[in-house]
């Protein structure tokens, strides 16, 4: 609405966005449950799907979230806080810890 789009256009975009995950989850389930499981395992379909999912997450993080953290983008936070100067030391520590948890959990885990 801030960009000046019409309400109906916004509703259409929200509908597509809201239906994307459940519809594609059902399509993926049907695709994986078919008798062609051997063909799917030959192309590592699960790995490709997870790579696509991770890429989507990284895109959203770099295009939308990181500019806001750096103070260059718009903010949804109240006008208080740290003045739009980015993350505090505690927040950076929590971010780094969150990034390292999967690494620690994978130690000694082999397939």
Protein backbone atom coordinates (compact mmCIF):
# COMPACT_ATOMS: atom_id res chain seq x y z
CA UNK A 1 0.00 0.00 0.00
CA UNK A 2 2.94 2.30 0.69
CA UNK A 3 4.11 1.77 -2.89
CA UNK A 4 0.74 2.93 -4.20
CA UNK A 5 -0.54 -0.43 -5.45
CA UNK A 6 -4.27 -1.07 -5.64
CA UNK A 7 -5.86 -3.20 -2.92
CA UNK A 8 -7.07 -5.83 -5.40
CA UNK A 9 -3.57 -6.24 -6.85
CA UNK A 10 -2.13 -6.57 -3.34
CA UNK A 11 -4.74 -9.20 -2.49
CA UNK A 12 -3.88 -11.18 -5.64
CA UNK A 13 -0.18 -11.12 -4.76
CA UNK A 14 -0.91 -12.19 -1.19
CA UNK A 15 -3.15 -15.01 -2.40
CA UNK A 16 -0.46 -16.34 -4.74
CA UNK A 17 2.14 -16.04 -1.98
CA UNK A 18 -0.09 -17.76 0.58
CA UNK A 19 -0.98 -20.64 -1.76
CA UNK A 20 2.54 -21.21 -3.09
CA UNK A 21 3.87 -23.29 -0.18
CA UNK A 22 0.89 -25.62 0.34
CA UNK A 23 0.30 -26.20 -3.37
CA UNK A 24 3.95 -26.94 -4.09
CA UNK A 25 4.16 -29.14 -0.98
CA UNK A 26 1.27 -31.24 -2.32
CA UNK A 27 2.85 -31.41 -5.78
CA UNK A 28 6.16 -32.49 -4.24
CA UNK A 29 4.42 -35.13 -2.11
CA UNK A 30 2.62 -36.51 -5.15
CA UNK A 31 5.82 -36.48 -7.16
CA UNK A 32 7.77 -38.32 -4.48
CA UNK A 33 5.02 -40.85 -3.80
CA UNK A 34 4.71 -42.03 -7.41
CA UNK A 35 6.18 -45.32 -8.55
CA UNK A 36 9.14 -43.54 -10.14
CA UNK A 37 11.07 -43.26 -6.86
CA UNK A 38 14.12 -44.77 -8.53
CA UNK A 39 14.16 -41.98 -11.12
CA UNK A 40 13.88 -39.35 -8.40
CA UNK A 41 16.72 -40.85 -6.42
CA UNK A 42 18.88 -40.97 -9.55
CA UNK A 43 18.73 -37.20 -9.88
CA UNK A 44 18.83 -36.55 -6.11
CA UNK A 45 15.49 -34.74 -6.22
CA UNK A 46 15.42 -34.15 -2.46
CA UNK A 47 18.85 -32.54 -2.54
CA UNK A 48 17.90 -30.34 -5.48
CA UNK A 49 14.70 -29.27 -3.70
CA UNK A 50 16.64 -28.43 -0.54
CA UNK A 51 19.18 -26.43 -2.56
CA UNK A 52 16.35 -24.46 -4.13
CA UNK A 53 14.82 -23.86 -0.71
CA UNK A 54 18.14 -22.71 0.74
CA UNK A 55 18.72 -20.42 -2.22
CA UNK A 56 15.31 -18.85 -1.74
CA UNK A 57 16.06 -18.30 1.95
CA UNK A 58 19.43 -16.70 1.15
CA UNK A 59 17.82 -14.45 -1.47
CA UNK A 60 15.24 -13.16 1.00
CA UNK A 61 17.91 -12.71 3.67
CA UNK A 62 20.27 -10.74 1.45
CA UNK A 63 17.74 -8.65 -0.45
CA UNK A 64 15.23 -7.82 2.29
CA UNK A 65 16.61 -8.47 5.77
CA UNK A 66 20.28 -7.45 5.57
CA UNK A 67 19.65 -3.93 4.23
CA UNK A 68 17.33 -3.34 7.18
CA UNK A 69 19.93 -4.62 9.66
CA UNK A 70 22.60 -2.36 8.22
CA UNK A 71 20.40 0.68 8.62
CA UNK A 72 20.13 1.28 4.86
CA UNK A 73 16.60 -0.02 4.41
CA UNK A 74 13.28 0.73 5.98
CA UNK A 75 12.60 -0.47 9.49
CA UNK A 76 9.54 -1.99 11.11
CA UNK A 77 10.91 -1.33 14.58
CA UNK A 78 9.66 1.50 16.79
CA UNK A 79 11.71 4.68 16.73
CA UNK A 80 13.52 3.68 19.92
CA UNK A 81 16.09 0.88 20.11
CA UNK A 82 19.63 1.32 18.85
CA UNK A 83 18.85 4.22 16.52
CA UNK A 84 19.00 2.23 13.28
CA UNK A 85 22.77 1.66 13.58
CA UNK A 86 22.59 -2.06 12.92
CA UNK A 87 22.94 -4.96 15.30
CA UNK A 88 24.18 -4.75 18.86
CA UNK A 89 27.04 -6.96 20.05
CA UNK A 90 24.58 -9.34 21.71
CA UNK A 91 22.57 -9.66 18.49
CA UNK A 92 25.72 -10.31 16.44
CA UNK A 93 26.78 -12.95 18.99
CA UNK A 94 23.36 -14.61 18.76
CA UNK A 95 23.55 -14.53 14.96
CA UNK A 96 27.01 -16.13 14.92
CA UNK A 97 25.95 -18.72 17.50
CA UNK A 98 22.89 -19.58 15.43
CA UNK A 99 25.09 -20.02 12.37
CA UNK A 100 27.49 -22.32 14.25
CA UNK A 101 24.86 -24.60 15.82
CA UNK A 102 24.34 -26.68 12.62
CA UNK A 103 28.12 -27.06 12.33
CA UNK A 104 28.42 -28.32 15.89
CA UNK A 105 25.46 -30.66 15.46
CA UNK A 106 27.01 -32.18 12.34
CA UNK A 107 30.28 -33.13 14.05
CA UNK A 108 30.53 -36.90 14.14
CA UNK A 109 27.38 -37.34 12.03
CA UNK A 110 28.09 -39.38 8.92
CA UNK A 111 25.94 -41.01 6.24
